[in-house]
């Protein structure tokens, strides 16, 4: 199984994991980087989408939420954890 994190060199940017499907019905999940998961969850609901998994902290990484759009497509919202310097 291919399972790698594609990380940037300390900079914000696209990342992700690649792996084989676990079943024929498994779908691709796209994640959208946003400045504030809370703000975008409000927008999702205002525009008719649904929140499937509320904002969840991933310690050391950021915050994640999973949503469904009006055409039943699931997608994730991702907010990088702010780094103190």
C-alpha atoms as a PDB file:
ATOM      1  CA  UNK A   1       0.000   0.000   0.000  1.00  0.00           C
ATOM      2  CA  UNK A   2       1.293   3.450  -0.921  1.00  0.00           C
ATOM      3  CA  UNK A   3       0.843   5.799   2.007  1.00  0.00           C
ATOM      4  CA  UNK A   4       2.904   8.977   2.035  1.00  0.00           C
ATOM      5  CA  UNK A   5       2.452  12.439   3.417  1.00  0.00           C
ATOM      6  CA  UNK A   6       3.349  15.019   0.820  1.00  0.00           C
ATOM      7  CA  UNK A   7       4.622  17.814   3.036  1.00  0.00           C
ATOM      8  CA  UNK A   8       5.995  21.200   2.132  1.00  0.00           C
ATOM      9  CA  UNK A   9       9.243  22.433   3.650  1.00  0.00           C
ATOM     10  CA  UNK A  10       7.744  24.273   6.626  1.00  0.00           C
ATOM     11  CA  UNK A  11       5.516  26.351   4.377  1.00  0.00           C
ATOM     12  CA  UNK A  12       1.766  26.297   4.052  1.00  0.00           C
ATOM     13  CA  UNK A  13       0.627  24.512   0.947  1.00  0.00           C
ATOM     14  CA  UNK A  14      -1.026  21.435  -0.471  1.00  0.00           C
ATOM     15  CA  UNK A  15      -0.344  18.212   1.335  1.00  0.00           C
ATOM     16  CA  UNK A  16      -2.067  14.900   1.408  1.00  0.00           C
ATOM     17  CA  UNK A  17      -1.912  11.178   1.433  1.00  0.00           C
ATOM     18  CA  UNK A  18      -2.037   8.613  -1.327  1.00  0.00           C
ATOM     19  CA  UNK A  19      -3.182   5.074  -0.823  1.00  0.00           C
ATOM     20  CA  UNK A  20      -5.080   2.296  -2.558  1.00  0.00           C
ATOM     21  CA  UNK A  21      -8.839   2.193  -2.273  1.00  0.00           C
ATOM     22  CA  UNK A  22     -10.118  -0.022   0.500  1.00  0.00           C
ATOM     23  CA  UNK A  23     -13.277  -0.873  -1.425  1.00  0.00           C
ATOM     24  CA  UNK A  24     -14.859  -0.367  -4.836  1.00  0.00           C
ATOM     25  CA  UNK A  25     -17.328   2.164  -3.412  1.00  0.00           C
ATOM     26  CA  UNK A  26     -14.671   4.336  -1.724  1.00  0.00           C
ATOM     27  CA  UNK A  27     -14.707   7.848  -3.151  1.00  0.00           C
ATOM     28  CA  UNK A  28     -12.065  10.516  -3.497  1.00  0.00           C
ATOM     29  CA  UNK A  29     -12.177  13.194  -0.789  1.00  0.00           C
ATOM     30  CA  UNK A  30     -10.965  16.687  -1.627  1.00  0.00           C
ATOM     31  CA  UNK A  31      -9.800  18.996   1.145  1.00  0.00           C
ATOM     32  CA  UNK A  32      -9.899  22.776   0.891  1.00  0.00           C
ATOM     33  CA  UNK A  33      -7.502  24.922   2.906  1.00  0.00           C
ATOM     34  CA  UNK A  34      -9.341  27.798   4.578  1.00  0.00           C
ATOM     35  CA  UNK A  35      -8.262  30.551   6.989  1.00  0.00           C
ATOM     36  CA  UNK A  36     -11.049  29.663   9.448  1.00  0.00           C
ATOM     37  CA  UNK A  37     -12.986  26.383   9.582  1.00  0.00           C
ATOM     38  CA  UNK A  38     -15.616  28.059  11.782  1.00  0.00           C
ATOM     39  CA  UNK A  39     -16.328  30.794   9.212  1.00  0.00           C
ATOM     40  CA  UNK A  40     -16.520  28.344   6.334  1.00  0.00           C
ATOM     41  CA  UNK A  41     -18.830  25.951   8.176  1.00  0.00           C
ATOM     42  CA  UNK A  42     -21.275  28.849   8.499  1.00  0.00           C
ATOM     43  CA  UNK A  43     -20.979  29.506   4.750  1.00  0.00           C
ATOM     44  CA  UNK A  44     -21.542  25.819   3.922  1.00  0.00           C
ATOM     45  CA  UNK A  45     -24.782  25.724   5.925  1.00  0.00           C
ATOM     46  CA  UNK A  46     -25.946  29.118   4.605  1.00  0.00           C
ATOM     47  CA  UNK A  47     -25.528  27.850   1.033  1.00  0.00           C
ATOM     48  CA  UNK A  48     -27.484  24.629   1.677  1.00  0.00           C
ATOM     49  CA  UNK A  49     -24.651  22.223   2.463  1.00  0.00           C
ATOM     50  CA  UNK A  50     -24.438  19.991   5.531  1.00  0.00           C
ATOM     51  CA  UNK A  51     -21.770  19.469   8.141  1.00  0.00           C
ATOM     52  CA  UNK A  52     -21.041  15.738   8.466  1.00  0.00           C
ATOM     53  CA  UNK A  53     -18.196  16.033  10.973  1.00  0.00           C
ATOM     54  CA  UNK A  54     -17.859  19.228  13.013  1.00  0.00           C
ATOM     55  CA  UNK A  55     -14.581  21.068  13.476  1.00  0.00           C
ATOM     56  CA  UNK A  56     -12.099  18.636  14.977  1.00  0.00           C
ATOM     57  CA  UNK A  57      -8.660  19.565  16.286  1.00  0.00           C
ATOM     58  CA  UNK A  58      -5.711  17.542  15.011  1.00  0.00           C
ATOM     59  CA  UNK A  59      -3.060  18.438  17.619  1.00  0.00           C
ATOM     60  CA  UNK A  60       0.135  19.758  16.097  1.00  0.00           C
ATOM     61  CA  UNK A  61      -1.428  20.084  12.624  1.00  0.00           C
ATOM     62  CA  UNK A  62      -4.685  22.073  12.513  1.00  0.00           C
ATOM     63  CA  UNK A  63      -8.458  21.729  12.370  1.00  0.00           C
ATOM     64  CA  UNK A  64     -10.593  19.574  10.089  1.00  0.00           C
ATOM     65  CA  UNK A  65     -14.307  19.406   9.260  1.00  0.00           C
ATOM     66  CA  UNK A  66     -16.136  17.219   6.709  1.00  0.00           C
ATOM     67  CA  UNK A  67     -19.103  18.578   4.759  1.00  0.00           C
ATOM     68  CA  UNK A  68     -21.574  17.565   2.052  1.00  0.00           C
ATOM     69  CA  UNK A  69     -22.525  19.938  -0.758  1.00  0.00           C
ATOM     70  CA  UNK A  70     -25.990  20.269  -2.284  1.00  0.00           C
ATOM     71  CA  UNK A  71     -25.186  17.546  -4.855  1.00  0.00           C
ATOM     72  CA  UNK A  72     -24.115  14.991  -2.205  1.00  0.00           C
ATOM     73  CA  UNK A  73     -20.374  15.404  -2.728  1.00  0.00           C
ATOM     74  CA  UNK A  74     -18.333  15.140   0.466  1.00  0.00           C
ATOM     75  CA  UNK A  75     -15.377  17.467   0.989  1.00  0.00           C
ATOM     76  CA  UNK A  76     -13.122  18.506   3.821  1.00  0.00           C
ATOM     77  CA  UNK A  77     -12.241  21.906   5.206  1.00  0.00           C
ATOM     78  CA  UNK A  78      -8.726  22.249   6.599  1.00  0.00           C
ATOM     79  CA  UNK A  79      -7.223  25.044   8.688  1.00  0.00           C
ATOM     80  CA  UNK A  80      -3.487  24.898   9.415  1.00  0.00           C
ATOM     81  CA  UNK A  81      -2.528  25.256  13.058  1.00  0.00           C
ATOM     82  CA  UNK A  82      -1.024  28.653  13.710  1.00  0.00           C
ATOM     83  CA  UNK A  83       2.640  28.354  14.454  1.00  0.00           C
ATOM     84  CA  UNK A  84       4.165  30.605  17.112  1.00  0.00           C
ATOM     85  CA  UNK A  85       7.631  31.926  16.388  1.00  0.00           C
END
